Amino acid sequence: MAGKRKDRPIVFIVTFFVLLAAIMLGGYMFKDYLEMQNDAKAAPCVGQPTLEALEKVISEHGDAIADIEKMGGSVTWGGVYVEIQTPGGKVEGTRCEGRGDVSIYYGTKAQRDRIKAYLGDSFFGIPYRMHNI
């Protein structure tokens, strides 16, 4: 009986530190989740440019796309790339026919912050969406 009483403080301390580690890890993961939220909500069809206008802006600002993609460093995990999204835009009679926007894919919060600082609220007047990969 005396041996069990000596073990109780050790079990309590170990349990305390295990719970503390679990809470800290959970908090870190939740913080990371909040920071890495995608801004991937598509604009309403009325707010999306025509594909012609989108392609014109993209061709005029190819250097900006290259700058954004360089923010990713490498083309492996954590890279950054830009593409035109056409939610049904190329298929006649579907949602947002003939319209689209720009999607930017990034790997880290630092990349996301640099891209947002570089672009502001739009890609030269075109709405853009950000996706964490």
Foldseek 3Di string as FASTA:
>chain_A
DVVVVVCVVVVVVVVVVVVVVVVVVVVVVVVQCVLQDWQADDDALVQFDFPVVVVVLCVVVVVLQVVLQVLQVDPPAFTKHKDKDQPCQPPPPDGSHRTTAMEMEGAHSVSVVVNCVSCPQGSVSTGYIYHHD
